[in-house]
Amino acid sequence: MKLGITEHIDCAHFLPGHPKCGQLHGHTYRIEIVVDGEKGPGGMVVDFDDLRKDLKSVLQEYDHRSLNDFMEYPSVENICELLRRGLENRVDLPFTLRVWEGAGKWAEG
């Protein structure tokens, strides 16, 4: 069974050398995590509150910050990989992470 939660962070970034995104600008990123697992003895795959705490513990480092402080080229693909690495030690179930950069643009990993 799959279940998930969504959180948001606001960050600035620029993409060095990119003709449009080379200037500092910001986005509200929507981050979705979807876990896949079987219901346990209590009838739940995972407690939503626990999953939210895990996600927020990773996101708090980047919220209202410049992503260029953390990576050389903060494309949505690289942001997704960065956040996924942070979650791998916290989330015990297989999961998919989707990072939305504004409306209609996302990376998944």
C-alpha atoms as a PDB file:
ATOM      1  CA  MET A   1       0.000   0.000   0.000  1.00  0.00           C
ATOM      2  CA  LYS A   2       1.222   3.520  -0.780  1.00  0.00           C
ATOM      3  CA  LEU A   3       0.677   6.596   1.299  1.00  0.00           C
ATOM      4  CA  GLY A   4       2.293   9.979   1.400  1.00  0.00           C
ATOM      5  CA  ILE A   5       2.500  13.502   2.704  1.00  0.00           C
ATOM      6  CA  THR A   6       3.302  16.886   1.226  1.00  0.00           C
ATOM      7  CA  GLU A   7       5.326  19.750   2.706  1.00  0.00           C
ATOM      8  CA  HIS A   8       6.608  23.060   1.328  1.00  0.00           C
ATOM      9  CA  ILE A   9       9.801  25.082   1.597  1.00  0.00           C
ATOM     10  CA  ASP A  10      10.749  28.475   0.206  1.00  0.00           C
ATOM     11  CA  CYS A  11      14.261  28.788  -1.188  1.00  0.00           C
ATOM     12  CA  ALA A  12      16.366  31.012  -3.377  1.00  0.00           C
ATOM     13  CA  HIS A  13      18.770  29.745  -6.003  1.00  0.00           C
ATOM     14  CA  PHE A  14      20.419  30.506  -9.305  1.00  0.00           C
ATOM     15  CA  LEU A  15      21.764  28.195 -11.993  1.00  0.00           C
ATOM     16  CA  PRO A  16      25.246  29.363 -12.998  1.00  0.00           C
ATOM     17  CA  GLY A  17      25.489  29.975 -16.731  1.00  0.00           C
ATOM     18  CA  HIS A  18      21.790  29.421 -17.410  1.00  0.00           C
ATOM     19  CA  PRO A  19      20.363  32.153 -19.675  1.00  0.00           C
ATOM     20  CA  LYS A  20      17.081  32.540 -17.776  1.00  0.00           C
ATOM     21  CA  CYS A  21      17.738  31.096 -14.328  1.00  0.00           C
ATOM     22  CA  GLY A  22      21.253  32.466 -13.877  1.00  0.00           C
ATOM     23  CA  GLN A  23      20.019  35.317 -11.667  1.00  0.00           C
ATOM     24  CA  LEU A  24      19.137  34.811  -8.020  1.00  0.00           C
ATOM     25  CA  HIS A  25      15.414  34.094  -7.679  1.00  0.00           C
ATOM     26  CA  GLY A  26      13.125  32.063  -5.454  1.00  0.00           C
ATOM     27  CA  HIS A  27      10.600  29.264  -5.556  1.00  0.00           C
ATOM     28  CA  THR A  28       8.124  27.640  -3.268  1.00  0.00           C
ATOM     29  CA  TYR A  29       9.015  23.973  -3.549  1.00  0.00           C
ATOM     30  CA  ARG A  30       6.371  21.349  -2.861  1.00  0.00           C
ATOM     31  CA  ILE A  31       7.939  18.133  -1.627  1.00  0.00           C
ATOM     32  CA  GLU A  32       5.946  14.913  -1.720  1.00  0.00           C
ATOM     33  CA  ILE A  33       7.110  11.671  -0.166  1.00  0.00           C
ATOM     34  CA  VAL A  34       5.255   8.453  -0.921  1.00  0.00           C
ATOM     35  CA  VAL A  35       6.141   5.325   1.031  1.00  0.00           C
ATOM     36  CA  ASP A  36       5.296   1.783  -0.010  1.00  0.00           C
ATOM     37  CA  GLY A  37       4.691  -0.913   2.569  1.00  0.00           C
ATOM     38  CA  GLU A  38       2.326  -3.325   4.248  1.00  0.00           C
ATOM     39  CA  LYS A  39       0.047  -2.468   7.121  1.00  0.00           C
ATOM     40  CA  GLY A  40       1.491  -3.450  10.465  1.00  0.00           C
ATOM     41  CA  PRO A  41      -0.248  -4.945  13.500  1.00  0.00           C
ATOM     42  CA  GLY A  42      -1.847  -1.585  14.310  1.00  0.00           C
ATOM     43  CA  GLY A  43      -3.385  -1.353  10.845  1.00  0.00           C
ATOM     44  CA  MET A  44      -1.064   1.395   9.555  1.00  0.00           C
ATOM     45  CA  VAL A  45       1.837   1.419   7.106  1.00  0.00           C
ATOM     46  CA  VAL A  46       3.393   4.354   8.958  1.00  0.00           C
ATOM     47  CA  ASP A  47       2.079   7.074  11.222  1.00  0.00           C
ATOM     48  CA  PHE A  48       1.623  10.274   9.190  1.00  0.00           C
ATOM     49  CA  ASP A  49       3.030  12.292  12.085  1.00  0.00           C
ATOM     50  CA  ASP A  50       6.260  10.250  12.131  1.00  0.00           C
ATOM     51  CA  LEU A  51       6.675  10.568   8.373  1.00  0.00           C
ATOM     52  CA  ARG A  52       6.052  14.328   8.557  1.00  0.00           C
ATOM     53  CA  LYS A  53       8.641  14.711  11.339  1.00  0.00           C
ATOM     54  CA  ASP A  54      11.211  12.836   9.246  1.00  0.00           C
ATOM     55  CA  LEU A  55      10.557  14.998   6.198  1.00  0.00           C
ATOM     56  CA  LYS A  56      10.541  18.262   8.163  1.00  0.00           C
ATOM     57  CA  SER A  57      13.809  17.342   9.883  1.00  0.00           C
ATOM     58  CA  VAL A  58      15.483  17.274   6.457  1.00  0.00           C
ATOM     59  CA  LEU A  59      13.669  20.260   4.957  1.00  0.00           C
ATOM     60  CA  GLN A  60      14.338  22.623   7.866  1.00  0.00           C
ATOM     61  CA  GLU A  61      17.999  22.856   6.848  1.00  0.00           C
ATOM     62  CA  TYR A  62      17.069  24.348   3.470  1.00  0.00           C
ATOM     63  CA  ASP A  63      13.910  26.367   4.139  1.00  0.00           C
ATOM     64  CA  HIS A  64      14.383  30.133   3.573  1.00  0.00           C
ATOM     65  CA  ARG A  65      17.970  29.602   2.456  1.00  0.00           C
ATOM     66  CA  SER A  66      19.881  29.853  -0.782  1.00  0.00           C
ATOM     67  CA  LEU A  67      20.308  26.382  -2.241  1.00  0.00           C
ATOM     68  CA  ASN A  68      23.562  27.526  -3.818  1.00  0.00           C
ATOM     69  CA  ASP A  69      25.019  27.373  -0.296  1.00  0.00           C
ATOM     70  CA  PHE A  70      24.573  23.588  -0.447  1.00  0.00           C
ATOM     71  CA  MET A  71      25.224  22.624  -4.044  1.00  0.00           C
ATOM     72  CA  GLU A  72      27.049  23.900  -7.087  1.00  0.00           C
ATOM     73  CA  TYR A  73      24.130  23.603  -9.499  1.00  0.00           C
ATOM     74  CA  PRO A  74      20.772  23.508  -7.681  1.00  0.00           C
ATOM     75  CA  SER A  75      18.544  22.238 -10.470  1.00  0.00           C
ATOM     76  CA  VAL A  76      15.323  20.560  -9.366  1.00  0.00           C
ATOM     77  CA  GLU A  77      16.921  17.213 -10.269  1.00  0.00           C
ATOM     78  CA  ASN A  78      19.877  17.873  -7.955  1.00  0.00           C
ATOM     79  CA  ILE A  79      17.610  19.204  -5.201  1.00  0.00           C
ATOM     80  CA  CYS A  80      15.573  15.997  -5.375  1.00  0.00           C
ATOM     81  CA  GLU A  81      18.735  13.894  -5.038  1.00  0.00           C
ATOM     82  CA  LEU A  82      19.980  16.012  -2.106  1.00  0.00           C
ATOM     83  CA  LEU A  83      16.720  15.662  -0.197  1.00  0.00           C
ATOM     84  CA  ARG A  84      16.475  11.953  -0.976  1.00  0.00           C
ATOM     85  CA  ARG A  85      19.938  11.339   0.482  1.00  0.00           C
ATOM     86  CA  GLY A  86      18.873  13.139   3.651  1.00  0.00           C
ATOM     87  CA  LEU A  87      15.762  10.999   3.980  1.00  0.00           C
ATOM     88  CA  GLU A  88      17.368   7.621   3.291  1.00  0.00           C
ATOM     89  CA  ASN A  89      18.713   7.390   6.859  1.00  0.00           C
ATOM     90  CA  ARG A  90      15.370   8.384   8.386  1.00  0.00           C
ATOM     91  CA  VAL A  91      12.681   6.562   6.394  1.00  0.00           C
ATOM     92  CA  ASP A  92      12.708   2.790   6.814  1.00  0.00           C
ATOM     93  CA  LEU A  93      10.286   1.988   3.974  1.00  0.00           C
ATOM     94  CA  PRO A  94      10.881   2.184   0.230  1.00  0.00           C
ATOM     95  CA  PHE A  95       9.857   5.662  -0.891  1.00  0.00           C
ATOM     96  CA  THR A  96       9.560   7.967  -3.844  1.00  0.00           C
ATOM     97  CA  LEU A  97      10.288  11.659  -3.511  1.00  0.00           C
ATOM     98  CA  ARG A  98       8.848  14.284  -5.840  1.00  0.00           C
ATOM     99  CA  VAL A  99      10.046  17.883  -5.737  1.00  0.00           C
ATOM    100  CA  TRP A 100       7.875  20.491  -7.468  1.00  0.00           C
ATOM    101  CA  GLU A 101       9.546  23.727  -8.513  1.00  0.00           C
ATOM    102  CA  GLY A 102       6.543  26.018  -8.693  1.00  0.00           C
ATOM    103  CA  ALA A 103       3.513  24.800 -10.623  1.00  0.00           C
ATOM    104  CA  GLY A 104       3.796  22.109 -13.266  1.00  0.00           C
ATOM    105  CA  LYS A 105       7.562  21.368 -12.995  1.00  0.00           C
ATOM    106  CA  TRP A 106       8.970  18.509 -10.933  1.00  0.00           C
ATOM    107  CA  ALA A 107      11.653  15.882 -10.510  1.00  0.00           C
ATOM    108  CA  GLU A 108      11.114  12.463  -8.964  1.00  0.00           C
ATOM    109  CA  GLY A 109      13.553  10.012  -7.526  1.00  0.00           C
END
